[in-house]
């Protein structure tokens, strides 16, 4: 799916990841690529960069954690392509980002765990 951006150029909405998640994203209008191989993810991101397209790309944690050169490049450069990770349906959420890594270094990994008692998560 493409949505209008501020400058009149379309923004592509893509999901790359677990098939059960892809179904939901497809229902809300995303272009989906269920269970993509790392090479497919790399090719898609390379084409987005080469064509200078704007895109919101949502990936599952498995894709985000894979060694994919163009995924690393897009995340490092920022700009027209925004990449966000979501947890797989069968797993607990894990914060995996540069910000999460810095917070874990400062406050300890337990601070970022999602299985903490509800009272403690609020503080």
PDB file of N, CA and C in Angstrom:
ATOM      1  N   UNK A   1       0.837  -1.172   0.000  1.00  0.00           N
ATOM      2  CA  UNK A   1       0.000   0.000   0.000  1.00  0.00           C
ATOM      3  C   UNK A   1       0.878   1.230   0.000  1.00  0.00           C
ATOM      4  N   UNK A   2       0.420   2.264  -0.604  1.00  0.00           N
ATOM      5  CA  UNK A   2       1.142   3.529  -0.615  1.00  0.00           C
ATOM      6  C   UNK A   2       0.242   4.601  -0.032  1.00  0.00           C
ATOM      7  N   UNK A   3       0.827   5.488   0.763  1.00  0.00           N
ATOM      8  CA  UNK A   3       0.073   6.604   1.312  1.00  0.00           C
ATOM      9  C   UNK A   3       0.719   7.899   0.869  1.00  0.00           C
ATOM     10  N   UNK A   4      -0.058   8.979   0.707  1.00  0.00           N
ATOM     11  CA  UNK A   4       0.540  10.249   0.290  1.00  0.00           C
ATOM     12  C   UNK A   4       1.449  10.785   1.383  1.00  0.00           C
ATOM     13  N   UNK A   5       2.571  11.343   1.002  1.00  0.00           N
ATOM     14  CA  UNK A   5       3.460  11.985   1.961  1.00  0.00           C
ATOM     15  C   UNK A   5       3.313  13.492   1.820  1.00  0.00           C
ATOM     16  N   UNK A   6       4.024  14.227   2.637  1.00  0.00           N
ATOM     17  CA  UNK A   6       3.924  15.678   2.620  1.00  0.00           C
ATOM     18  C   UNK A   6       4.262  16.277   1.261  1.00  0.00           C
ATOM     19  N   UNK A   7       5.182  15.691   0.547  1.00  0.00           N
ATOM     20  CA  UNK A   7       5.632  16.255  -0.718  1.00  0.00           C
ATOM     21  C   UNK A   7       4.913  15.635  -1.917  1.00  0.00           C
ATOM     22  N   UNK A   8       3.861  14.878  -1.692  1.00  0.00           N
ATOM     23  CA  UNK A   8       3.103  14.311  -2.790  1.00  0.00           C
ATOM     24  C   UNK A   8       3.636  12.996  -3.324  1.00  0.00           C
ATOM     25  N   UNK A   9       4.773  12.524  -2.826  1.00  0.00           N
ATOM     26  CA  UNK A   9       5.320  11.241  -3.254  1.00  0.00           C
ATOM     27  C   UNK A   9       4.760  10.144  -2.350  1.00  0.00           C
ATOM     28  N   UNK A  10       4.418   9.005  -2.908  1.00  0.00           N
ATOM     29  CA  UNK A  10       3.831   7.939  -2.085  1.00  0.00           C
ATOM     30  C   UNK A  10       4.850   7.332  -1.127  1.00  0.00           C
ATOM     31  N   UNK A  11       4.348   6.901   0.022  1.00  0.00           N
ATOM     32  CA  UNK A  11       5.151   6.176   0.994  1.00  0.00           C
ATOM     33  C   UNK A  11       4.670   4.736   0.991  1.00  0.00           C
ATOM     34  N   UNK A  12       5.571   3.809   0.754  1.00  0.00           N
ATOM     35  CA  UNK A  12       5.201   2.398   0.738  1.00  0.00           C
ATOM     36  C   UNK A  12       5.141   1.869   2.158  1.00  0.00           C
ATOM     37  N   UNK A  13       4.176   1.010   2.416  1.00  0.00           N
ATOM     38  CA  UNK A  13       4.017   0.345   3.697  1.00  0.00           C
ATOM     39  C   UNK A  13       4.295  -1.130   3.478  1.00  0.00           C
ATOM     40  N   UNK A  14       5.356  -1.641   4.110  1.00  0.00           N
ATOM     41  CA  UNK A  14       5.758  -3.030   3.905  1.00  0.00           C
ATOM     42  C   UNK A  14       5.895  -3.756   5.233  1.00  0.00           C
ATOM     43  N   UNK A  15       5.537  -5.029   5.229  1.00  0.00           N
ATOM     44  CA  UNK A  15       5.809  -5.906   6.354  1.00  0.00           C
ATOM     45  C   UNK A  15       6.614  -7.082   5.848  1.00  0.00           C
ATOM     46  N   UNK A  16       7.703  -7.401   6.561  1.00  0.00           N
ATOM     47  CA  UNK A  16       8.561  -8.530   6.216  1.00  0.00           C
ATOM     48  C   UNK A  16       8.736  -9.369   7.475  1.00  0.00           C
ATOM     49  N   UNK A  17       8.141 -10.562   7.487  1.00  0.00           N
ATOM     50  CA  UNK A  17       8.300 -11.395   8.668  1.00  0.00           C
ATOM     51  C   UNK A  17       7.346 -12.560   8.706  1.00  0.00           C
ATOM     52  N   UNK A  18       7.118 -13.020   9.927  1.00  0.00           N
ATOM     53  CA  UNK A  18       6.331 -14.216  10.204  1.00  0.00           C
ATOM     54  C   UNK A  18       4.974 -14.179   9.502  1.00  0.00           C
ATOM     55  N   UNK A  19       4.609 -15.303   8.901  1.00  0.00           N
ATOM     56  CA  UNK A  19       3.384 -15.378   8.108  1.00  0.00           C
ATOM     57  C   UNK A  19       2.128 -15.032   8.901  1.00  0.00           C
ATOM     58  N   UNK A  20       2.047 -15.467  10.149  1.00  0.00           N
ATOM     59  CA  UNK A  20       0.841 -15.170  10.938  1.00  0.00           C
ATOM     60  C   UNK A  20       0.702 -13.675  11.205  1.00  0.00           C
ATOM     61  N   UNK A  21       1.794 -12.962  11.343  1.00  0.00           N
ATOM     62  CA  UNK A  21       1.751 -11.505  11.474  1.00  0.00           C
ATOM     63  C   UNK A  21       1.437 -10.847  10.133  1.00  0.00           C
ATOM     64  N   UNK A  22       1.950 -11.413   9.072  1.00  0.00           N
ATOM     65  CA  UNK A  22       1.732 -10.842   7.741  1.00  0.00           C
ATOM     66  C   UNK A  22       0.252 -10.766   7.409  1.00  0.00           C
ATOM     67  N   UNK A  23      -0.523 -11.746   7.845  1.00  0.00           N
ATOM     68  CA  UNK A  23      -1.963 -11.733   7.584  1.00  0.00           C
ATOM     69  C   UNK A  23      -2.613 -10.470   8.129  1.00  0.00           C
ATOM     70  N   UNK A  24      -2.274 -10.103   9.356  1.00  0.00           N
ATOM     71  CA  UNK A  24      -2.839  -8.904   9.965  1.00  0.00           C
ATOM     72  C   UNK A  24      -2.418  -7.639   9.238  1.00  0.00           C
ATOM     73  N   UNK A  25      -1.148  -7.560   8.882  1.00  0.00           N
ATOM     74  CA  UNK A  25      -0.670  -6.377   8.163  1.00  0.00           C
ATOM     75  C   UNK A  25      -1.288  -6.285   6.769  1.00  0.00           C
ATOM     76  N   UNK A  26      -1.511  -7.419   6.143  1.00  0.00           N
ATOM     77  CA  UNK A  26      -2.160  -7.429   4.828  1.00  0.00           C
ATOM     78  C   UNK A  26      -3.575  -6.881   4.935  1.00  0.00           C
ATOM     79  N   UNK A  27      -4.267  -7.231   6.001  1.00  0.00           N
ATOM     80  CA  UNK A  27      -5.644  -6.769   6.199  1.00  0.00           C
ATOM     81  C   UNK A  27      -5.736  -5.247   6.352  1.00  0.00           C
ATOM     82  N   UNK A  28      -4.696  -4.623   6.861  1.00  0.00           N
ATOM     83  CA  UNK A  28      -4.731  -3.163   7.019  1.00  0.00           C
ATOM     84  C   UNK A  28      -4.022  -2.441   5.869  1.00  0.00           C
ATOM     85  N   UNK A  29      -3.718  -3.180   4.813  1.00  0.00           N
ATOM     86  CA  UNK A  29      -3.246  -2.541   3.593  1.00  0.00           C
ATOM     87  C   UNK A  29      -1.758  -2.539   3.337  1.00  0.00           C
ATOM     88  N   UNK A  30      -0.981  -3.260   4.136  1.00  0.00           N
ATOM     89  CA  UNK A  30       0.465  -3.323   3.907  1.00  0.00           C
ATOM     90  C   UNK A  30       0.788  -4.289   2.775  1.00  0.00           C
ATOM     91  N   UNK A  31       1.855  -4.005   2.068  1.00  0.00           N
ATOM     92  CA  UNK A  31       2.460  -4.955   1.136  1.00  0.00           C
ATOM     93  C   UNK A  31       3.229  -5.928   2.026  1.00  0.00           C
ATOM     94  N   UNK A  32       2.938  -7.222   1.925  1.00  0.00           N
ATOM     95  CA  UNK A  32       3.559  -8.175   2.844  1.00  0.00           C
ATOM     96  C   UNK A  32       4.459  -9.163   2.120  1.00  0.00           C
ATOM     97  N   UNK A  33       5.474  -9.589   2.855  1.00  0.00           N
ATOM     98  CA  UNK A  33       6.424 -10.596   2.384  1.00  0.00           C
ATOM     99  C   UNK A  33       6.586 -11.602   3.527  1.00  0.00           C
ATOM    100  N   UNK A  34       5.705 -12.634   3.564  1.00  0.00           N
ATOM    101  CA  UNK A  34       5.755 -13.598   4.661  1.00  0.00           C
ATOM    102  C   UNK A  34       6.988 -14.487   4.605  1.00  0.00           C
ATOM    103  N   UNK A  35       7.553 -14.711   5.786  1.00  0.00           N
ATOM    104  CA  UNK A  35       8.713 -15.597   5.956  1.00  0.00           C
ATOM    105  C   UNK A  35       9.800 -15.357   4.897  1.00  0.00           C
ATOM    106  N   UNK A  36      10.258 -14.119   4.749  1.00  0.00           N
ATOM    107  CA  UNK A  36      11.246 -13.854   3.698  1.00  0.00           C
ATOM    108  C   UNK A  36      12.631 -14.393   4.054  1.00  0.00           C
ATOM    109  N   UNK A  37      13.334 -14.845   3.047  1.00  0.00           N
ATOM    110  CA  UNK A  37      14.739 -15.227   3.220  1.00  0.00           C
ATOM    111  C   UNK A  37      15.553 -13.946   3.383  1.00  0.00           C
ATOM    112  N   UNK A  38      16.677 -14.008   4.084  1.00  0.00           N
ATOM    113  CA  UNK A  38      17.510 -12.811   4.245  1.00  0.00           C
ATOM    114  C   UNK A  38      17.870 -12.151   2.905  1.00  0.00           C
ATOM    115  N   UNK A  39      18.069 -12.957   1.879  1.00  0.00           N
ATOM    116  CA  UNK A  39      18.407 -12.414   0.561  1.00  0.00           C
ATOM    117  C   UNK A  39      17.250 -11.596  -0.014  1.00  0.00           C
ATOM    118  N   UNK A  40      16.016 -12.036   0.237  1.00  0.00           N
ATOM    119  CA  UNK A  40      14.848 -11.298  -0.242  1.00  0.00           C
ATOM    120  C   UNK A  40      14.722  -9.956   0.479  1.00  0.00           C
ATOM    121  N   UNK A  41      14.922  -9.966   1.794  1.00  0.00           N
ATOM    122  CA  UNK A  41      14.877  -8.722   2.575  1.00  0.00           C
ATOM    123  C   UNK A  41      15.939  -7.761   2.059  1.00  0.00           C
ATOM    124  N   UNK A  42      17.142  -8.264   1.850  1.00  0.00           N
ATOM    125  CA  UNK A  42      18.243  -7.443   1.356  1.00  0.00           C
ATOM    126  C   UNK A  42      17.897  -6.835  -0.007  1.00  0.00           C
ATOM    127  N   UNK A  43      17.319  -7.634  -0.893  1.00  0.00           N
ATOM    128  CA  UNK A  43      16.949  -7.161  -2.238  1.00  0.00           C
ATOM    129  C   UNK A  43      15.872  -6.075  -2.171  1.00  0.00           C
ATOM    130  N   UNK A  44      14.857  -6.297  -1.339  1.00  0.00           N
ATOM    131  CA  UNK A  44      13.765  -5.321  -1.213  1.00  0.00           C
ATOM    132  C   UNK A  44      14.309  -3.983  -0.714  1.00  0.00           C
ATOM    133  N   UNK A  45      15.124  -4.025   0.314  1.00  0.00           N
ATOM    134  CA  UNK A  45      15.675  -2.779   0.867  1.00  0.00           C
ATOM    135  C   UNK A  45      16.635  -2.101  -0.107  1.00  0.00           C
ATOM    136  N   UNK A  46      17.410  -2.897  -0.821  1.00  0.00           N
ATOM    137  CA  UNK A  46      18.317  -2.334  -1.829  1.00  0.00           C
ATOM    138  C   UNK A  46      17.516  -1.611  -2.913  1.00  0.00           C
ATOM    139  N   UNK A  47      16.413  -2.209  -3.357  1.00  0.00           N
ATOM    140  CA  UNK A  47      15.577  -1.579  -4.383  1.00  0.00           C
ATOM    141  C   UNK A  47      14.926  -0.297  -3.870  1.00  0.00           C
ATOM    142  N   UNK A  48      14.481  -0.293  -2.614  1.00  0.00           N
ATOM    143  CA  UNK A  48      13.916   0.932  -2.033  1.00  0.00           C
ATOM    144  C   UNK A  48      14.953   2.056  -2.039  1.00  0.00           C
ATOM    145  N   UNK A  49      16.183   1.717  -1.659  1.00  0.00           N
ATOM    146  CA  UNK A  49      17.253   2.718  -1.638  1.00  0.00           C
ATOM    147  C   UNK A  49      17.591   3.191  -3.045  1.00  0.00           C
ATOM    148  N   UNK A  50      17.750   2.256  -3.951  1.00  0.00           N
ATOM    149  CA  UNK A  50      18.135   2.593  -5.323  1.00  0.00           C
ATOM    150  C   UNK A  50      17.086   3.479  -5.992  1.00  0.00           C
ATOM    151  N   UNK A  51      15.808   3.199  -5.725  1.00  0.00           N
ATOM    152  CA  UNK A  51      14.723   3.973  -6.325  1.00  0.00           C
ATOM    153  C   UNK A  51      14.364   5.217  -5.515  1.00  0.00           C
ATOM    154  N   UNK A  52      15.098   5.446  -4.428  1.00  0.00           N
ATOM    155  CA  UNK A  52      14.894   6.600  -3.547  1.00  0.00           C
ATOM    156  C   UNK A  52      13.435   6.717  -3.101  1.00  0.00           C
ATOM    157  N   UNK A  53      12.863   5.581  -2.734  1.00  0.00           N
ATOM    158  CA  UNK A  53      11.471   5.538  -2.302  1.00  0.00           C
ATOM    159  C   UNK A  53      11.364   5.814  -0.807  1.00  0.00           C
ATOM    160  N   UNK A  54      10.228   6.376  -0.420  1.00  0.00           N
ATOM    161  CA  UNK A  54       9.892   6.538   0.991  1.00  0.00           C
ATOM    162  C   UNK A  54       9.155   5.269   1.413  1.00  0.00           C
ATOM    163  N   UNK A  55       9.480   4.777   2.625  1.00  0.00           N
ATOM    164  CA  UNK A  55       8.826   3.548   3.065  1.00  0.00           C
ATOM    165  C   UNK A  55       8.821   3.440   4.580  1.00  0.00           C
ATOM    166  N   UNK A  56       7.738   2.860   5.088  1.00  0.00           N
ATOM    167  CA  UNK A  56       7.663   2.394   6.461  1.00  0.00           C
ATOM    168  C   UNK A  56       7.753   0.885   6.354  1.00  0.00           C
ATOM    169  N   UNK A  57       8.823   0.317   6.901  1.00  0.00           N
ATOM    170  CA  UNK A  57       9.060  -1.124   6.807  1.00  0.00           C
ATOM    171  C   UNK A  57       8.981  -1.701   8.217  1.00  0.00           C
ATOM    172  N   UNK A  58       8.030  -2.603   8.417  1.00  0.00           N
ATOM    173  CA  UNK A  58       7.901  -3.277   9.700  1.00  0.00           C
ATOM    174  C   UNK A  58       8.402  -4.698   9.508  1.00  0.00           C
ATOM    175  N   UNK A  59       9.311  -5.108  10.392  1.00  0.00           N
ATOM    176  CA  UNK A  59       9.889  -6.453  10.334  1.00  0.00           C
ATOM    177  C   UNK A  59       9.660  -7.137  11.677  1.00  0.00           C
ATOM    178  N   UNK A  60       9.710  -8.462  11.695  1.00  0.00           N
ATOM    179  CA  UNK A  60       9.635  -9.135  12.987  1.00  0.00           C
ATOM    180  C   UNK A  60      11.035  -9.200  13.587  1.00  0.00           C
ATOM    181  N   UNK A  61      11.101  -9.595  14.864  1.00  0.00           N
ATOM    182  CA  UNK A  61      12.390  -9.624  15.565  1.00  0.00           C
ATOM    183  C   UNK A  61      13.416 -10.521  14.888  1.00  0.00           C
ATOM    184  N   UNK A  62      12.961 -11.625  14.280  1.00  0.00           N
ATOM    185  CA  UNK A  62      13.889 -12.545  13.616  1.00  0.00           C
ATOM    186  C   UNK A  62      14.577 -11.860  12.440  1.00  0.00           C
ATOM    187  N   UNK A  63      13.816 -11.107  11.649  1.00  0.00           N
ATOM    188  CA  UNK A  63      14.403 -10.381  10.515  1.00  0.00           C
ATOM    189  C   UNK A  63      15.344  -9.302  11.032  1.00  0.00           C
ATOM    190  N   UNK A  64      14.899  -8.557  12.059  1.00  0.00           N
ATOM    191  CA  UNK A  64      15.727  -7.476  12.591  1.00  0.00           C
ATOM    192  C   UNK A  64      17.057  -8.011  13.120  1.00  0.00           C
ATOM    193  N   UNK A  65      17.044  -9.210  13.684  1.00  0.00           N
ATOM    194  CA  UNK A  65      18.265  -9.778  14.246  1.00  0.00           C
ATOM    195  C   UNK A  65      19.160 -10.480  13.234  1.00  0.00           C
ATOM    196  N   UNK A  66      18.701 -10.637  12.009  1.00  0.00           N
ATOM    197  CA  UNK A  66      19.496 -11.337  10.984  1.00  0.00           C
ATOM    198  C   UNK A  66      20.610 -10.431  10.457  1.00  0.00           C
ATOM    199  N   UNK A  67      21.626 -11.046   9.934  1.00  0.00           N
ATOM    200  CA  UNK A  67      22.766 -10.311   9.367  1.00  0.00           C
ATOM    201  C   UNK A  67      22.448  -9.959   7.912  1.00  0.00           C
ATOM    202  N   UNK A  68      21.765  -8.833   7.718  1.00  0.00           N
ATOM    203  CA  UNK A  68      21.313  -8.406   6.395  1.00  0.00           C
ATOM    204  C   UNK A  68      21.954  -7.046   6.099  1.00  0.00           C
ATOM    205  N   UNK A  69      22.898  -6.996   5.169  1.00  0.00           N
ATOM    206  CA  UNK A  69      23.658  -5.766   4.920  1.00  0.00           C
ATOM    207  C   UNK A  69      22.806  -4.522   4.653  1.00  0.00           C
ATOM    208  N   UNK A  70      21.807  -4.605   3.792  1.00  0.00           N
ATOM    209  CA  UNK A  70      21.015  -3.415   3.486  1.00  0.00           C
ATOM    210  C   UNK A  70      20.083  -3.023   4.623  1.00  0.00           C
ATOM    211  N   UNK A  71      19.698  -3.963   5.476  1.00  0.00           N
ATOM    212  CA  UNK A  71      18.922  -3.617   6.662  1.00  0.00           C
ATOM    213  C   UNK A  71      19.787  -2.786   7.606  1.00  0.00           C
ATOM    214  N   UNK A  72      21.014  -3.219   7.807  1.00  0.00           N
ATOM    215  CA  UNK A  72      21.943  -2.458   8.650  1.00  0.00           C
ATOM    216  C   UNK A  72      22.186  -1.071   8.061  1.00  0.00           C
ATOM    217  N   UNK A  73      22.345  -1.006   6.771  1.00  0.00           N
ATOM    218  CA  UNK A  73      22.617   0.271   6.092  1.00  0.00           C
ATOM    219  C   UNK A  73      21.439   1.239   6.248  1.00  0.00           C
ATOM    220  N   UNK A  74      20.229   0.753   6.004  1.00  0.00           N
ATOM    221  CA  UNK A  74      19.032   1.586   6.120  1.00  0.00           C
ATOM    222  C   UNK A  74      18.885   2.103   7.548  1.00  0.00           C
ATOM    223  N   UNK A  75      19.092   1.245   8.526  1.00  0.00           N
ATOM    224  CA  UNK A  75      18.965   1.658   9.930  1.00  0.00           C
ATOM    225  C   UNK A  75      20.046   2.660  10.311  1.00  0.00           C
ATOM    226  N   UNK A  76      21.239   2.487   9.785  1.00  0.00           N
ATOM    227  CA  UNK A  76      22.348   3.388  10.090  1.00  0.00           C
ATOM    228  C   UNK A  76      22.133   4.759   9.461  1.00  0.00           C
ATOM    229  N   UNK A  77      21.661   4.783   8.223  1.00  0.00           N
ATOM    230  CA  UNK A  77      21.533   6.033   7.482  1.00  0.00           C
ATOM    231  C   UNK A  77      20.272   6.808   7.830  1.00  0.00           C
ATOM    232  N   UNK A  78      19.190   6.114   8.161  1.00  0.00           N
ATOM    233  CA  UNK A  78      17.933   6.818   8.414  1.00  0.00           C
ATOM    234  C   UNK A  78      17.432   7.479   7.141  1.00  0.00           C
ATOM    235  N   UNK A  79      16.525   8.425   7.269  1.00  0.00           N
ATOM    236  CA  UNK A  79      16.054   9.146   6.099  1.00  0.00           C
ATOM    237  C   UNK A  79      14.714   8.677   5.597  1.00  0.00           C
ATOM    238  N   UNK A  80      14.637   8.349   4.339  1.00  0.00           N
ATOM    239  CA  UNK A  80      13.366   8.035   3.676  1.00  0.00           C
ATOM    240  C   UNK A  80      12.769   6.696   4.080  1.00  0.00           C
ATOM    241  N   UNK A  81      13.575   5.799   4.608  1.00  0.00           N
ATOM    242  CA  UNK A  81      13.094   4.456   4.943  1.00  0.00           C
ATOM    243  C   UNK A  81      13.168   4.274   6.462  1.00  0.00           C
ATOM    244  N   UNK A  82      12.012   4.075   7.077  1.00  0.00           N
ATOM    245  CA  UNK A  82      11.931   3.859   8.516  1.00  0.00           C
ATOM    246  C   UNK A  82      11.673   2.377   8.758  1.00  0.00           C
ATOM    247  N   UNK A  83      12.509   1.760   9.597  1.00  0.00           N
ATOM    248  CA  UNK A  83      12.367   0.332   9.900  1.00  0.00           C
ATOM    249  C   UNK A  83      12.028   0.179  11.376  1.00  0.00           C
ATOM    250  N   UNK A  84      10.969  -0.578  11.645  1.00  0.00           N
ATOM    251  CA  UNK A  84      10.510  -0.843  13.007  1.00  0.00           C
ATOM    252  C   UNK A  84      10.354  -2.349  13.160  1.00  0.00           C
ATOM    253  N   UNK A  85      10.752  -2.864  14.321  1.00  0.00           N
ATOM    254  CA  UNK A  85      10.596  -4.300  14.597  1.00  0.00           C
ATOM    255  C   UNK A  85       9.420  -4.537  15.526  1.00  0.00           C
ATOM    256  N   UNK A  86       8.710  -5.636  15.291  1.00  0.00           N
ATOM    257  CA  UNK A  86       7.643  -6.088  16.178  1.00  0.00           C
ATOM    258  C   UNK A  86       7.969  -7.518  16.597  1.00  0.00           C
ATOM    259  N   UNK A  87       7.541  -7.907  17.811  1.00  0.00           N
ATOM    260  CA  UNK A  87       7.813  -9.280  18.244  1.00  0.00           C
ATOM    261  C   UNK A  87       6.946 -10.276  17.494  1.00  0.00           C
ATOM    262  N   UNK A  88       7.432 -11.493  17.397  1.00  0.00           N
ATOM    263  CA  UNK A  88       6.640 -12.565  16.800  1.00  0.00           C
ATOM    264  C   UNK A  88       5.484 -12.870  17.727  1.00  0.00           C
ATOM    265  N   UNK A  89       4.404 -13.390  17.213  1.00  0.00           N
ATOM    266  CA  UNK A  89       3.223 -13.676  18.023  1.00  0.00           C
ATOM    267  C   UNK A  89       3.500 -14.700  19.119  1.00  0.00           C
ATOM    268  N   UNK A  90       4.391 -15.622  18.870  1.00  0.00           N
ATOM    269  CA  UNK A  90       4.649 -16.700  19.815  1.00  0.00           C
ATOM    270  C   UNK A  90       5.699 -16.358  20.865  1.00  0.00           C
ATOM    271  N   UNK A  91       6.228 -15.149  20.866  1.00  0.00           N
ATOM    272  CA  UNK A  91       7.303 -14.781  21.784  1.00  0.00           C
ATOM    273  C   UNK A  91       6.938 -13.539  22.583  1.00  0.00           C
ATOM    274  N   UNK A  92       7.584 -13.402  23.736  1.00  0.00           N
ATOM    275  CA  UNK A  92       7.426 -12.192  24.527  1.00  0.00           C
ATOM    276  C   UNK A  92       8.189 -11.064  23.853  1.00  0.00           C
ATOM    277  N   UNK A  93       7.698  -9.840  23.973  1.00  0.00           N
ATOM    278  CA  UNK A  93       8.412  -8.711  23.378  1.00  0.00           C
ATOM    279  C   UNK A  93       9.805  -8.554  23.975  1.00  0.00           C
ATOM    280  N   UNK A  94      10.766  -8.255  23.128  1.00  0.00           N
ATOM    281  CA  UNK A  94      12.130  -7.973  23.549  1.00  0.00           C
ATOM    282  C   UNK A  94      12.522  -6.651  22.907  1.00  0.00           C
ATOM    283  N   UNK A  95      12.956  -5.702  23.738  1.00  0.00           N
ATOM    284  CA  UNK A  95      13.389  -4.433  23.183  1.00  0.00           C
ATOM    285  C   UNK A  95      14.771  -4.612  22.569  1.00  0.00           C
ATOM    286  N   UNK A  96      14.875  -4.409  21.266  1.00  0.00           N
ATOM    287  CA  UNK A  96      16.142  -4.573  20.563  1.00  0.00           C
ATOM    288  C   UNK A  96      16.382  -3.340  19.714  1.00  0.00           C
ATOM    289  N   UNK A  97      17.113  -2.397  20.278  1.00  0.00           N
ATOM    290  CA  UNK A  97      17.451  -1.195  19.543  1.00  0.00           C
ATOM    291  C   UNK A  97      18.668  -0.570  20.204  1.00  0.00           C
ATOM    292  N   UNK A  98      19.199   0.442  19.580  1.00  0.00           N
ATOM    293  CA  UNK A  98      20.340   1.135  20.163  1.00  0.00           C
ATOM    294  C   UNK A  98      19.946   1.769  21.492  1.00  0.00           C
ATOM    295  N   UNK A  99      18.734   2.318  21.559  1.00  0.00           N
ATOM    296  CA  UNK A  99      18.250   2.935  22.796  1.00  0.00           C
ATOM    297  C   UNK A  99      18.119   1.875  23.884  1.00  0.00           C
ATOM    298  N   UNK A 100      17.534   0.724  23.553  1.00  0.00           N
ATOM    299  CA  UNK A 100      17.385  -0.352  24.531  1.00  0.00           C
ATOM    300  C   UNK A 100      18.747  -0.819  25.028  1.00  0.00           C
ATOM    301  N   UNK A 101      19.723  -0.923  24.136  1.00  0.00           N
ATOM    302  CA  UNK A 101      21.077  -1.328  24.537  1.00  0.00           C
ATOM    303  C   UNK A 101      21.690  -0.328  25.510  1.00  0.00           C
ATOM    304  N   UNK A 102      21.491   0.952  25.253  1.00  0.00           N
ATOM    305  CA  UNK A 102      22.032   1.990  26.149  1.00  0.00           C
ATOM    306  C   UNK A 102      21.338   1.946  27.501  1.00  0.00           C
ATOM    307  N   UNK A 103      20.009   1.770  27.498  1.00  0.00           N
ATOM    308  CA  UNK A 103      19.287   1.674  28.763  1.00  0.00           C
ATOM    309  C   UNK A 103      19.736   0.463  29.566  1.00  0.00           C
ATOM    310  N   UNK A 104      19.933  -0.667  28.891  1.00  0.00           N
ATOM    311  CA  UNK A 104      20.397  -1.873  29.580  1.00  0.00           C
ATOM    312  C   UNK A 104      21.772  -1.656  30.193  1.00  0.00           C
ATOM    313  N   UNK A 105      22.642  -0.933  29.492  1.00  0.00           N
ATOM    314  CA  UNK A 105      23.973  -0.638  30.012  1.00  0.00           C
ATOM    315  C   UNK A 105      23.885   0.243  31.252  1.00  0.00           C
ATOM    316  N   UNK A 106      23.017   1.240  31.202  1.00  0.00           N
ATOM    317  CA  UNK A 106      22.885   2.176  32.318  1.00  0.00           C
ATOM    318  C   UNK A 106      22.167   1.582  33.524  1.00  0.00           C
ATOM    319  N   UNK A 107      21.062   0.863  33.280  1.00  0.00           N
ATOM    320  CA  UNK A 107      20.196   0.438  34.370  1.00  0.00           C
ATOM    321  C   UNK A 107      20.123  -1.062  34.580  1.00  0.00           C
ATOM    322  N   UNK A 108      20.739  -1.841  33.720  1.00  0.00           N
ATOM    323  CA  UNK A 108      20.693  -3.284  33.844  1.00  0.00           C
ATOM    324  C   UNK A 108      19.628  -3.894  32.948  1.00  0.00           C
ATOM    325  N   UNK A 109      19.883  -5.086  32.475  1.00  0.00           N
ATOM    326  CA  UNK A 109      18.986  -5.769  31.542  1.00  0.00           C
ATOM    327  C   UNK A 109      17.617  -6.024  32.152  1.00  0.00           C
ATOM    328  N   UNK A 110      17.533  -6.249  33.455  1.00  0.00           N
ATOM    329  CA  UNK A 110      16.249  -6.550  34.096  1.00  0.00           C
ATOM    330  C   UNK A 110      15.261  -5.402  33.943  1.00  0.00           C
ATOM    331  N   UNK A 111      15.751  -4.186  33.783  1.00  0.00           N
ATOM    332  CA  UNK A 111      14.881  -3.024  33.615  1.00  0.00           C
ATOM    333  C   UNK A 111      14.038  -3.146  32.364  1.00  0.00           C
ATOM    334  N   UNK A 112      14.524  -3.823  31.336  1.00  0.00           N
ATOM    335  CA  UNK A 112      13.844  -3.907  30.049  1.00  0.00           C
ATOM    336  C   UNK A 112      12.991  -5.161  29.901  1.00  0.00           C
ATOM    337  N   UNK A 113      12.985  -6.033  30.897  1.00  0.00           N
ATOM    338  CA  UNK A 113      12.227  -7.275  30.782  1.00  0.00           C
ATOM    339  C   UNK A 113      10.744  -6.988  30.828  1.00  0.00           C
ATOM    340  N   UNK A 114      10.001  -7.678  29.979  1.00  0.00           N
ATOM    341  CA  UNK A 114       8.553  -7.473  29.916  1.00  0.00           C
ATOM    342  C   UNK A 114       7.788  -8.352  30.898  1.00  0.00           C
ATOM    343  N   UNK A 115       8.479  -9.249  31.614  1.00  0.00           N
ATOM    344  CA  UNK A 115       7.779 -10.154  32.527  1.00  0.00           C
ATOM    345  C   UNK A 115       7.840  -9.672  33.973  1.00  0.00           C
ATOM    346  N   UNK A 116       8.136  -8.399  34.196  1.00  0.00           N
ATOM    347  CA  UNK A 116       8.162  -7.830  35.526  1.00  0.00           C
ATOM    348  C   UNK A 116       6.739  -7.669  36.034  1.00  0.00           C
ATOM    349  N   UNK A 117       6.529  -7.702  37.355  1.00  0.00           N
ATOM    350  CA  UNK A 117       5.198  -7.455  37.891  1.00  0.00           C
ATOM    351  C   UNK A 117       4.660  -6.108  37.425  1.00  0.00           C
ATOM    352  N   UNK A 118       3.344  -6.017  37.271  1.00  0.00           N
ATOM    353  CA  UNK A 118       2.728  -4.825  36.694  1.00  0.00           C
ATOM    354  C   UNK A 118       3.075  -3.558  37.485  1.00  0.00           C
ATOM    355  N   UNK A 119       3.092  -3.627  38.830  1.00  0.00           N
ATOM    356  CA  UNK A 119       3.431  -2.445  39.629  1.00  0.00           C
ATOM    357  C   UNK A 119       4.801  -1.908  39.299  1.00  0.00           C
ATOM    358  N   UNK A 120       5.755  -2.781  39.139  1.00  0.00           N
ATOM    359  CA  UNK A 120       7.132  -2.372  38.897  1.00  0.00           C
ATOM    360  C   UNK A 120       7.299  -1.770  37.501  1.00  0.00           C
ATOM    361  N   UNK A 121       6.532  -2.243  36.514  1.00  0.00           N
ATOM    362  CA  UNK A 121       6.641  -1.724  35.163  1.00  0.00           C
ATOM    363  C   UNK A 121       6.181  -0.277  35.109  1.00  0.00           C
ATOM    364  N   UNK A 122       5.241   0.125  35.944  1.00  0.00           N
ATOM    365  CA  UNK A 122       4.708   1.476  35.902  1.00  0.00           C
ATOM    366  C   UNK A 122       5.683   2.503  36.446  1.00  0.00           C
ATOM    367  N   UNK A 123       6.604   2.099  37.311  1.00  0.00           N
ATOM    368  CA  UNK A 123       7.514   3.070  37.917  1.00  0.00           C
ATOM    369  C   UNK A 123       8.737   3.283  37.106  1.00  0.00           C
TER     370      UNK A 123
END
